[in-house]
Amino acid sequence: MTLTLNAVDATGMIISNNQDFSGAEWESYTALKENWWLTSGDGTKTVYFKAKDNAVPYPNIALPVNDTIILDTTPPTITIVTPENGSSTTTHTNLTIRANLYDATSGVNTSSVTIIFNGTDKTMDNNTIINPNLVMYQAPSLTDGTYNVSIIVKDMAGNIAYKNWSFTVTTEEEETGEETEGGTTGQPTTQPVVDNPPVISNVQHSPTTVTDADMVTITATVTDDNAIKTVTLFWNNSMDSKEMSKQTGDVYSATIGPFPGGTKVTYYIMATDSSSQTTTSSTYSFTVQGQTTPSPPSEEEKPVTINLTIDIIAVGEIKNISLKEYETALEEIKIIAADNLTDVKVNIEKLTEKPADVAKPSEKVYAYISIETNAEQEDISSIIVSFKVEKTWIEENNIDKETIILLRYHNNEWQKLSTAIKNESVEYVYYEAEVPGLSMFAIVGSTLTTQPPLEPLTTVYFTQPLIIYVIIIGAVAVSLTVVFLLYYRKHS
């Protein structure tokens, strides 16, 4: 196949069917890449592309992009034809001719379906139904004879399939007469064979009140005086159909949905017996009640995986890996190389919860993040991780923003890393931490501490006798002081 590429100022490119570009090599940039081979087998295929310029000494390499297509080389299948090939039927009116359609990869292209009955194109006939699951034509009136059916169908990739078969319409007769000792005497008489079409009754849907979150089960009782061959549920103006499966007794059921709120779903049932006689039920409907809009998952509830490849990091170079476009708490990773590094892979995963074998930190956890690289630790002189924390999380959990740090899980324990606030915005507080190596990390914070209430002041009340004693002791002390001073002057 041919790839159409677009990169501004690109001089080199690398293309791969693998996300990690394993086995791929850089080549000169061109807007068209011809004769590109996808991986073998039908299904969804993804091609990955990176481009670089010729900046000196180290080229700038754009983040990888990718595109996805569906490879389909297998034609659709046409199965379960009615009436069966080579069979006979006594049904002359409203005979159903049908076949089931199926394509597992790209799906049936309904606009390509053609049904030819006995040399006449019946595709656009009012008695023909075509949808992605079946093609069916109901012949109003047939005479005895052999009839040929041809069906042509393509899938969305253009693969084509054919199905041709034939059947016979006959009038069965029974000979009756009086039986004598020598055998049967009398004139034979023609007796019609009794074979009524199916009867459809007791059509219901469950639940009775349908919401946009409900799967809806349609049930019906289908009986026939011989045998039921198929029971089919049709909805969406016959554009969708599904075979109903037999439950207990004569009850058949099929489950469909869910449907968007406010949708009116109309449906009917068609039953065919072993003689290819068909009965179509009345049309029923239900309206899906009030559309509910689920809350989008919060950032920490959505796992995110980022796989990056850095072609060259020169010794002493600071390589800035911006992560702002990804839905993680990380803003940037700076890697300073201690040696020349090539083909450096950095794998980042934001986890919805910690691994089962990892202990839970004692602090309140904002996010768990795994950062790994194929570079040896001794080849990296420094790694700086920048991250952000929502202010709403800080406020709702009563977190002291000064206590928010980055933890590293190493040697079966959480290690606290030196973390500093860089700046703030209306929505976030931004932090930076230097890490000794890559591993499992957790962004955590501690709750605000409140000062304990001051002890109430204690008032000491002196009783009257205690006051008297204090006065007496004071008077004695003053008297002794006076005596001492007089004695000192007399002898000086």
Protein backbone atom coordinates (compact mmCIF):
# COMPACT_ATOMS: atom_id res chain seq x y z
CA MET A 1 0.00 0.00 0.00
CA THR A 2 1.02 3.66 -0.35
CA LEU A 3 1.33 5.94 2.69
CA THR A 4 0.69 9.68 2.39
CA LEU A 5 2.82 11.64 4.87
CA ASN A 6 3.03 15.28 5.91
CA ALA A 7 5.78 16.85 8.04
CA VAL A 8 7.06 20.44 7.97
CA ASP A 9 10.83 21.05 7.69
CA ALA A 10 11.49 17.31 7.82
CA THR A 11 14.60 15.80 6.25
CA GLY A 12 14.37 12.31 7.74
CA MET A 13 11.64 9.89 8.74
CA ILE A 14 11.12 6.49 10.30
CA ILE A 15 8.05 4.28 9.74
CA SER A 16 7.04 1.12 11.54
CA ASN A 17 4.14 -1.22 12.18
CA ASN A 18 5.34 -1.39 15.80
CA GLN A 19 4.75 1.33 18.37
CA ASP A 20 8.34 1.08 19.62
CA PHE A 21 9.73 1.32 16.04
CA SER A 22 11.66 -1.91 16.60
CA GLY A 23 13.49 -3.03 13.48
CA ALA A 24 12.84 0.26 11.65
CA GLU A 25 15.56 2.55 10.28
CA TRP A 26 15.73 6.25 9.51
CA GLU A 27 15.46 7.24 5.85
CA SER A 28 15.12 10.41 3.79
CA TYR A 29 11.76 12.11 4.16
CA THR A 30 9.26 11.81 1.32
CA ALA A 31 5.57 12.71 1.19
CA LEU A 32 4.67 9.33 -0.35
CA LYS A 33 5.89 5.96 0.86
CA GLU A 34 5.06 3.33 -1.74
CA ASN A 35 4.93 -0.45 -1.38
CA TRP A 36 4.48 -0.40 2.39
CA TRP A 37 3.58 -3.83 3.75
CA LEU A 38 1.25 -4.16 6.72
CA THR A 39 1.43 -7.03 9.19
CA SER A 40 -0.19 -10.23 7.93
CA GLY A 41 -3.80 -11.15 8.55
CA ASP A 42 -7.08 -9.25 8.39
CA GLY A 43 -8.03 -6.76 11.09
CA THR A 44 -7.12 -3.33 12.43
CA LYS A 45 -3.64 -2.18 11.40
CA THR A 46 -1.71 0.80 12.79
CA VAL A 47 1.29 2.49 11.14
CA TYR A 48 3.61 4.70 13.24
CA PHE A 49 5.59 7.65 11.88
CA LYS A 50 8.26 10.03 13.18
CA ALA A 51 10.12 12.83 11.41
CA LYS A 52 13.28 14.82 12.17
CA ASP A 53 15.08 17.87 10.80
CA ASN A 54 18.80 18.36 10.11
CA ALA A 55 19.60 20.66 13.04
CA VAL A 56 23.27 20.61 14.11
CA PRO A 57 24.69 19.06 16.18
CA TYR A 58 21.55 17.14 17.15
CA PRO A 59 18.39 16.95 15.05
CA ASN A 60 14.98 17.80 16.48
CA ILE A 61 12.72 14.76 16.46
CA ALA A 62 8.95 15.17 16.48
CA LEU A 63 6.75 13.05 18.71
CA PRO A 64 5.42 9.97 16.89
CA VAL A 65 2.03 9.99 15.17
CA ASN A 66 0.00 7.07 13.87
CA ASP A 67 -2.95 6.19 11.69
CA THR A 68 -5.19 3.14 11.66
CA ILE A 69 -6.94 1.26 8.86
CA ILE A 70 -8.89 -1.99 8.62
CA LEU A 71 -7.32 -4.62 6.38
CA ASP A 72 -9.98 -6.92 4.91
CA THR A 73 -9.11 -9.47 2.24
CA THR A 74 -11.84 -12.01 3.08
CA PRO A 75 -15.20 -11.90 1.27
CA PRO A 76 -18.46 -12.01 3.23
CA THR A 77 -20.29 -15.29 3.82
CA ILE A 78 -23.81 -16.23 2.69
CA THR A 79 -25.39 -18.95 4.84
CA ILE A 80 -28.66 -20.58 5.96
CA VAL A 81 -30.57 -20.25 2.71
CA THR A 82 -34.32 -20.80 2.65
CA PRO A 83 -35.73 -22.85 0.97
CA GLU A 84 -32.71 -25.13 1.07
CA ASN A 85 -30.85 -26.02 -2.09
CA GLY A 86 -32.53 -28.95 -3.85
CA SER A 87 -35.52 -28.98 -1.51
CA SER A 88 -39.22 -29.11 -2.39
CA THR A 89 -42.06 -27.07 -0.95
CA THR A 90 -45.81 -27.09 -1.35
CA THR A 91 -46.10 -23.37 -0.53
CA HIS A 92 -47.36 -21.45 -3.54
CA THR A 93 -48.14 -18.07 -1.98
CA ASN A 94 -45.99 -15.71 0.08
CA LEU A 95 -43.01 -18.05 -0.02
CA THR A 96 -39.99 -16.55 1.75
CA ILE A 97 -36.63 -16.76 0.01
CA ARG A 98 -33.82 -15.62 2.30
CA ALA A 99 -30.14 -15.93 3.17
CA ASN A 100 -28.09 -14.74 6.13
CA LEU A 101 -25.16 -12.38 5.48
CA TYR A 102 -22.03 -11.97 7.59
CA ASP A 103 -18.68 -10.21 7.39
CA ALA A 104 -16.44 -10.17 10.45
CA THR A 105 -13.99 -7.43 9.48
CA SER A 106 -15.28 -4.45 7.50
CA GLY A 107 -18.97 -5.38 7.49
CA VAL A 108 -21.52 -6.01 4.75
CA ASN A 109 -22.08 -3.23 2.21
CA THR A 110 -25.88 -3.32 1.99
CA SER A 111 -25.93 -1.11 -1.11
CA SER A 112 -24.05 -3.85 -2.99
CA VAL A 113 -26.51 -6.66 -2.22
CA THR A 114 -28.36 -8.08 -5.23
CA ILE A 115 -30.99 -10.84 -5.26
CA ILE A 116 -32.08 -12.40 -8.56
CA PHE A 117 -35.09 -14.72 -8.47
CA ASN A 118 -35.63 -16.91 -11.52
CA GLY A 119 -33.77 -14.48 -13.76
CA THR A 120 -35.48 -11.32 -12.45
CA ASP A 121 -33.70 -8.76 -10.27
CA LYS A 122 -35.79 -8.40 -7.10
CA THR A 123 -33.37 -6.14 -5.22
CA MET A 124 -35.63 -3.07 -5.34
CA ASP A 125 -38.90 -5.02 -5.06
CA ASN A 126 -41.33 -3.94 -2.34
CA ASN A 127 -41.31 -7.51 -1.04
CA THR A 128 -37.52 -7.48 -0.51
CA ILE A 129 -35.73 -6.69 2.76
CA ILE A 130 -31.97 -6.10 2.86
CA ASN A 131 -29.91 -5.28 5.94
CA PRO A 132 -26.37 -6.13 7.12
CA ASN A 133 -27.56 -9.48 8.45
CA LEU A 134 -29.83 -10.87 5.75
CA VAL A 135 -31.48 -10.55 2.35
CA MET A 136 -35.07 -11.74 2.00
CA TYR A 137 -37.67 -11.78 -0.77
CA GLN A 138 -41.28 -12.91 -0.36
CA ALA A 139 -42.70 -14.37 -3.58
CA PRO A 140 -46.44 -13.52 -3.76
CA SER A 141 -47.57 -16.38 -6.01
CA LEU A 142 -45.77 -19.37 -7.51
CA THR A 143 -46.78 -22.23 -9.78
CA ASP A 144 -45.32 -25.70 -9.78
CA GLY A 145 -41.78 -25.83 -11.08
CA THR A 146 -38.11 -25.29 -10.30
CA TYR A 147 -36.89 -21.85 -9.22
CA ASN A 148 -33.35 -20.47 -9.14
CA VAL A 149 -31.97 -17.89 -6.71
CA SER A 150 -28.74 -15.88 -7.01
CA ILE A 151 -27.34 -13.53 -4.37
CA ILE A 152 -24.37 -11.21 -4.82
CA VAL A 153 -22.87 -9.26 -1.91
CA LYS A 154 -19.74 -7.19 -1.22
CA ASP A 155 -18.19 -6.09 2.04
CA MET A 156 -17.06 -2.53 2.78
CA ALA A 157 -13.58 -3.39 1.50
CA GLY A 158 -14.96 -4.49 -1.88
CA ASN A 159 -14.56 -8.26 -1.48
CA ILE A 160 -17.37 -10.04 -3.33
CA ALA A 161 -19.29 -13.27 -2.62
CA TYR A 162 -21.89 -15.22 -4.63
CA LYS A 163 -24.54 -17.79 -3.73
CA ASN A 164 -26.66 -19.76 -6.22
CA TRP A 165 -29.23 -22.41 -5.38
CA SER A 166 -32.56 -23.82 -6.56
CA PHE A 167 -35.70 -25.42 -5.14
CA THR A 168 -38.93 -26.93 -6.44
CA VAL A 169 -42.55 -25.97 -5.83
CA THR A 170 -44.93 -28.95 -6.12
CA THR A 171 -48.51 -29.94 -5.40
CA GLU A 172 -48.60 -33.13 -3.32
CA GLU A 173 -51.42 -35.64 -3.92
CA GLU A 174 -52.63 -38.60 -1.92
CA GLU A 175 -54.48 -41.54 -3.43
CA THR A 176 -57.41 -42.92 -1.42
CA GLY A 177 -59.83 -45.78 -2.15
CA GLU A 178 -61.45 -48.80 -0.68
CA GLU A 179 -59.11 -51.49 0.41
CA THR A 180 -60.07 -55.03 -0.69
CA GLU A 181 -58.46 -58.36 -0.27
CA GLY A 182 -56.74 -57.99 -3.60
CA GLY A 183 -55.59 -54.45 -2.95
CA THR A 184 -56.96 -50.97 -3.29
CA THR A 185 -60.00 -50.41 -5.43
CA GLY A 186 -61.93 -47.35 -6.36
CA GLN A 187 -60.89 -44.11 -8.01
CA PRO A 188 -58.04 -42.10 -6.47
CA THR A 189 -58.99 -38.70 -5.10
CA THR A 190 -56.78 -35.67 -4.58
CA GLN A 191 -56.57 -34.39 -0.98
CA PRO A 192 -54.71 -31.18 -0.16
CA VAL A 193 -52.01 -31.49 2.47
CA VAL A 194 -52.88 -29.35 5.51
CA ASP A 195 -49.96 -27.03 6.32
CA ASN A 196 -50.75 -23.68 7.88
CA PRO A 197 -48.26 -20.83 8.28
CA PRO A 198 -46.78 -20.04 11.73
CA VAL A 199 -48.79 -18.21 14.37
CA ILE A 200 -47.11 -15.38 16.34
CA SER A 201 -48.67 -14.28 19.63
CA ASN A 202 -47.94 -12.76 23.04
CA VAL A 203 -45.25 -10.34 21.81
CA GLN A 204 -43.69 -8.45 24.74
CA HIS A 205 -40.61 -6.44 25.64
CA SER A 206 -38.81 -6.29 28.98
CA PRO A 207 -38.31 -4.10 30.92
CA THR A 208 -41.65 -2.42 30.33
CA THR A 209 -40.13 1.01 30.94
CA VAL A 210 -36.89 1.25 28.99
CA THR A 211 -34.03 3.62 29.85
CA ASP A 212 -30.91 4.35 27.85
CA ALA A 213 -28.94 2.00 30.11
CA ASP A 214 -31.20 -1.02 29.50
CA MET A 215 -30.78 -4.01 27.24
CA VAL A 216 -34.24 -4.90 25.95
CA THR A 217 -35.44 -8.50 25.63
CA ILE A 218 -38.19 -9.18 23.07
CA THR A 219 -40.18 -12.39 23.56
CA ALA A 220 -42.95 -14.02 21.51
CA THR A 221 -44.84 -17.29 21.35
CA VAL A 222 -44.50 -18.92 17.90
CA THR A 223 -46.38 -22.09 16.96
CA ASP A 224 -46.82 -24.13 13.78
CA ASP A 225 -48.64 -27.32 12.84
CA ASN A 226 -45.36 -28.75 11.54
CA ALA A 227 -42.02 -27.20 12.54
CA ILE A 228 -40.60 -23.69 12.93
CA LYS A 229 -37.44 -23.07 10.92
CA THR A 230 -36.51 -19.47 11.77
CA VAL A 231 -37.86 -16.64 13.92
CA THR A 232 -36.34 -13.23 13.19
CA LEU A 233 -36.67 -9.92 15.01
CA PHE A 234 -36.55 -6.76 12.87
CA TRP A 235 -36.14 -3.18 14.12
CA ASN A 236 -34.89 0.20 12.91
CA ASN A 237 -37.18 0.13 9.85
CA SER A 238 -35.95 -3.40 9.00
CA MET A 239 -32.35 -2.15 8.79
CA ASP A 240 -31.40 -4.28 11.79
CA SER A 241 -32.34 -7.88 12.45
CA LYS A 242 -31.45 -10.69 14.82
CA GLU A 243 -32.33 -14.37 14.99
CA MET A 244 -34.51 -15.16 18.00
CA SER A 245 -33.54 -18.22 20.00
CA LYS A 246 -36.00 -20.76 21.33
CA GLN A 247 -36.52 -20.81 25.08
CA THR A 248 -38.92 -23.07 26.97
CA GLY A 249 -41.95 -24.37 25.09
CA ASP A 250 -42.84 -22.24 22.07
CA VAL A 251 -41.30 -19.03 23.41
CA TYR A 252 -38.58 -17.28 21.37
CA SER A 253 -36.47 -14.33 22.53
CA ALA A 254 -33.79 -11.88 21.43
CA THR A 255 -32.02 -9.07 23.29
CA ILE A 256 -31.18 -5.71 21.69
CA GLY A 257 -29.98 -2.27 22.78
CA PRO A 258 -29.17 -0.14 24.61
CA PHE A 259 -30.64 2.85 22.75
CA PRO A 260 -30.17 6.61 23.24
CA GLY A 261 -32.70 8.40 25.43
CA GLY A 262 -35.69 9.78 23.55
CA THR A 263 -35.48 7.14 20.80
CA LYS A 264 -38.68 5.46 19.64
CA VAL A 265 -37.86 1.87 18.70
CA THR A 266 -40.32 0.02 16.44
CA TYR A 267 -40.02 -3.71 15.87
CA TYR A 268 -41.78 -6.73 14.42
CA ILE A 269 -41.21 -10.49 14.20
CA MET A 270 -41.16 -12.77 11.17
CA ALA A 271 -41.46 -16.56 11.52
CA THR A 272 -40.83 -19.16 8.80
CA ASP A 273 -41.80 -22.81 9.04
CA SER A 274 -40.23 -25.90 7.46
CA SER A 275 -42.39 -25.42 4.35
CA SER A 276 -41.01 -21.87 3.92
CA GLN A 277 -44.35 -20.33 4.84
CA THR A 278 -43.90 -17.00 6.58
CA THR A 279 -45.93 -14.98 9.06
CA THR A 280 -45.16 -11.39 10.00
CA SER A 281 -46.39 -9.98 13.30
CA SER A 282 -47.88 -6.58 13.93
CA THR A 283 -45.47 -3.70 14.56
CA TYR A 284 -44.73 -2.86 18.19
CA SER A 285 -42.77 -0.01 19.75
CA PHE A 286 -41.32 1.47 22.92
CA THR A 287 -39.79 4.85 23.72
CA VAL A 288 -36.51 5.05 25.60
CA GLN A 289 -36.90 7.21 28.69
CA GLY A 290 -34.73 10.18 29.71
CA GLN A 291 -31.19 10.15 28.51
CA THR A 292 -28.70 9.94 31.36
CA THR A 293 -25.29 11.50 30.95
CA PRO A 294 -22.67 9.66 32.98
CA SER A 295 -20.06 11.79 34.64
CA PRO A 296 -16.77 11.68 32.79
CA PRO A 297 -14.10 9.78 34.66
CA SER A 298 -11.73 11.96 36.63
CA GLU A 299 -8.12 12.26 35.55
CA GLU A 300 -6.85 9.82 38.16
CA GLU A 301 -9.43 7.22 37.08
CA LYS A 302 -8.14 6.95 33.52
CA PRO A 303 -4.96 4.95 32.97
CA VAL A 304 -2.56 6.59 30.53
CA THR A 305 0.43 4.96 28.87
CA ILE A 306 3.11 6.99 27.07
CA ASN A 307 5.96 5.39 25.14
CA LEU A 308 8.63 7.78 23.88
CA THR A 309 11.88 7.23 22.00
CA ILE A 310 14.79 9.69 22.06
CA ASP A 311 17.28 8.95 19.32
CA ILE A 312 20.31 10.78 20.75
CA ILE A 313 21.26 12.38 24.08
CA ALA A 314 24.84 13.67 24.05
CA VAL A 315 26.99 13.56 27.17
CA GLY A 316 26.19 16.57 29.36
CA GLU A 317 23.11 17.47 27.30
CA ILE A 318 19.88 18.36 29.10
CA LYS A 319 17.02 16.62 27.29
CA ASN A 320 13.63 18.15 28.05
CA ILE A 321 10.70 15.77 27.57
CA SER A 322 7.48 17.78 27.58
CA LEU A 323 4.43 15.87 28.82
CA LYS A 324 1.92 18.73 28.95
CA GLU A 325 -0.18 17.31 26.12
CA TYR A 326 -0.80 14.03 27.95
CA GLU A 327 -3.42 13.46 30.64
CA THR A 328 -1.05 12.89 33.53
CA ALA A 329 0.10 14.96 36.47
CA LEU A 330 3.57 15.18 34.91
CA GLU A 331 4.63 18.37 33.17
CA GLU A 332 8.19 17.59 32.12
CA ILE A 333 11.10 15.22 32.63
CA LYS A 334 14.67 16.51 32.26
CA ILE A 335 17.39 13.96 31.64
CA ILE A 336 21.07 14.92 31.86
CA ALA A 337 23.26 12.28 30.25
CA ALA A 338 26.53 11.13 31.82
CA ASP A 339 27.46 9.40 28.57
CA ASN A 340 26.39 9.50 24.93
CA LEU A 341 23.03 7.74 24.70
CA THR A 342 21.17 6.48 21.64
CA ASP A 343 17.70 5.03 21.13
CA VAL A 344 16.60 5.92 24.65
CA LYS A 345 13.11 4.66 25.43
CA VAL A 346 11.07 6.29 28.19
CA ASN A 347 7.88 4.53 29.23
CA ILE A 348 5.43 6.43 31.44
CA GLU A 349 2.24 5.00 32.88
CA LYS A 350 -0.29 6.79 35.06
CA LEU A 351 -1.92 4.11 37.20
CA THR A 352 -5.45 4.10 38.56
CA GLU A 353 -4.18 2.43 41.73
CA LYS A 354 -0.98 1.11 43.21
CA PRO A 355 0.20 -2.41 42.34
CA ALA A 356 -0.93 -5.06 44.80
CA ASP A 357 2.63 -5.83 45.95
CA VAL A 358 3.46 -2.19 46.75
CA ALA A 359 2.80 -0.77 50.22
CA LYS A 360 0.47 2.21 50.53
CA PRO A 361 2.10 5.51 51.56
CA SER A 362 1.02 7.00 54.87
CA GLU A 363 0.24 10.35 53.20
CA LYS A 364 -2.78 11.19 51.03
CA VAL A 365 -2.06 10.03 47.45
CA TYR A 366 -2.79 12.29 44.48
CA ALA A 367 -1.41 10.01 41.75
CA TYR A 368 0.66 6.88 41.15
CA ILE A 369 3.03 7.08 38.19
CA SER A 370 5.52 4.57 36.79
CA ILE A 371 8.51 5.92 34.84
CA GLU A 372 10.99 3.51 33.27
CA THR A 373 13.81 3.69 30.74
CA ASN A 374 16.12 1.29 28.97
CA ALA A 375 19.14 3.50 29.75
CA GLU A 376 21.47 2.31 32.51
CA GLN A 377 21.33 4.36 35.71
CA GLU A 378 25.08 5.07 35.65
CA ASP A 379 24.70 6.62 32.17
CA ILE A 380 22.34 9.30 33.53
CA SER A 381 23.81 11.96 35.80
CA SER A 382 20.55 13.64 36.80
CA ILE A 383 16.78 13.37 36.35
CA ILE A 384 14.38 16.18 37.28
CA VAL A 385 10.64 15.56 37.31
CA SER A 386 8.15 18.45 37.14
CA PHE A 387 4.53 17.84 38.06
CA LYS A 388 1.34 19.69 38.95
CA VAL A 389 -1.42 19.19 41.52
CA GLU A 390 -4.96 20.50 41.22
CA LYS A 391 -5.89 23.12 43.79
CA THR A 392 -9.37 21.63 44.05
CA TRP A 393 -7.81 18.35 45.27
CA ILE A 394 -5.68 20.27 47.77
CA GLU A 395 -8.70 22.13 49.14
CA GLU A 396 -11.13 19.20 49.17
CA ASN A 397 -8.67 17.01 51.07
CA ASN A 398 -7.47 19.80 53.42
CA ILE A 399 -3.88 19.33 52.20
CA ASP A 400 -1.03 21.65 53.15
CA LYS A 401 0.47 22.48 49.77
CA GLU A 402 3.89 22.87 51.39
CA THR A 403 3.83 19.16 52.33
CA ILE A 404 3.25 17.85 48.80
CA ILE A 405 6.25 15.79 47.69
CA LEU A 406 7.26 13.09 45.24
CA LEU A 407 7.87 9.60 46.67
CA ARG A 408 9.96 6.95 44.94
CA TYR A 409 9.39 3.25 45.59
CA HIS A 410 12.80 1.61 45.89
CA ASN A 411 14.07 -1.43 47.79
CA ASN A 412 10.51 -2.27 48.90
CA GLU A 413 9.90 1.08 50.58
CA TRP A 414 8.78 4.61 49.78
CA GLN A 415 11.58 7.19 49.76
CA LYS A 416 10.87 10.90 50.17
CA LEU A 417 12.45 13.07 47.47
CA SER A 418 13.43 16.70 47.80
CA THR A 419 10.51 18.59 46.26
CA ALA A 420 10.02 22.34 45.79
CA ILE A 421 7.15 24.56 44.65
CA LYS A 422 7.99 26.22 41.32
CA ASN A 423 4.92 28.42 40.82
CA GLU A 424 1.13 28.52 40.93
CA SER A 425 -1.75 29.21 38.57
CA VAL A 426 -5.45 29.60 39.14
CA GLU A 427 -5.97 25.83 38.91
CA TYR A 428 -2.65 24.19 39.79
CA VAL A 429 0.38 24.27 42.04
CA TYR A 430 3.55 23.28 40.15
CA TYR A 431 6.38 21.29 41.75
CA GLU A 432 9.84 20.02 40.84
CA ALA A 433 11.80 17.10 42.30
CA GLU A 434 15.20 15.61 41.55
CA VAL A 435 15.08 11.82 41.45
CA PRO A 436 18.04 9.43 41.85
CA GLY A 437 16.55 6.89 39.45
CA LEU A 438 13.38 5.89 37.63
CA SER A 439 10.86 3.59 39.23
CA MET A 440 7.35 3.72 40.69
CA PHE A 441 6.42 7.18 42.03
CA ALA A 442 3.61 8.65 44.10
CA ILE A 443 2.59 12.28 44.47
CA VAL A 444 1.42 12.72 48.07
CA GLY A 445 0.51 15.39 50.58
CA SER A 446 -0.28 15.71 54.28
CA THR A 447 -3.31 17.34 55.85
CA LEU A 448 -3.13 20.71 57.54
CA THR A 449 -2.36 20.54 61.26
CA THR A 450 -4.32 22.68 63.72
CA GLN A 451 -2.78 24.35 66.81
CA PRO A 452 -3.96 22.82 70.10
CA PRO A 453 -6.10 25.20 72.18
CA LEU A 454 -4.27 27.21 74.84
CA GLU A 455 -4.71 26.10 78.44
CA PRO A 456 -6.97 28.51 80.36
CA LEU A 457 -5.21 30.82 82.81
CA THR A 458 -5.41 29.72 86.41
CA THR A 459 -6.31 32.41 88.95
CA VAL A 460 -4.84 31.93 92.42
CA TYR A 461 -6.93 33.22 95.27
CA PHE A 462 -5.24 33.85 98.63
CA THR A 463 -7.20 33.24 101.77
CA GLN A 464 -7.11 35.85 104.58
CA PRO A 465 -4.81 33.92 107.00
CA LEU A 466 -2.27 33.44 104.24
CA ILE A 467 -2.20 37.21 103.60
CA ILE A 468 -1.57 37.91 107.29
CA TYR A 469 1.38 35.51 107.33
CA VAL A 470 2.85 37.19 104.27
CA ILE A 471 2.59 40.64 105.93
CA ILE A 472 4.26 39.38 109.11
CA ILE A 473 7.11 37.75 107.19
CA GLY A 474 7.58 40.95 105.21
CA ALA A 475 7.70 43.08 108.35
CA VAL A 476 10.28 40.80 109.96
CA ALA A 477 12.43 40.96 106.84
CA VAL A 478 12.33 44.78 106.85
CA SER A 479 13.22 44.92 110.56
CA LEU A 480 16.23 42.67 110.10
CA THR A 481 17.40 44.83 107.23
CA VAL A 482 17.22 48.01 109.36
CA VAL A 483 19.11 46.37 112.24
CA PHE A 484 21.80 45.21 109.85
CA LEU A 485 22.26 48.69 108.41
CA LEU A 486 22.55 50.33 111.86
CA TYR A 487 25.10 47.78 112.96
CA TYR A 488 27.11 48.29 109.80
CA ARG A 489 27.29 52.11 110.25
CA LYS A 490 28.27 51.86 113.92
CA HIS A 491 31.29 49.70 113.21
CA SER A 492 32.40 51.37 110.02
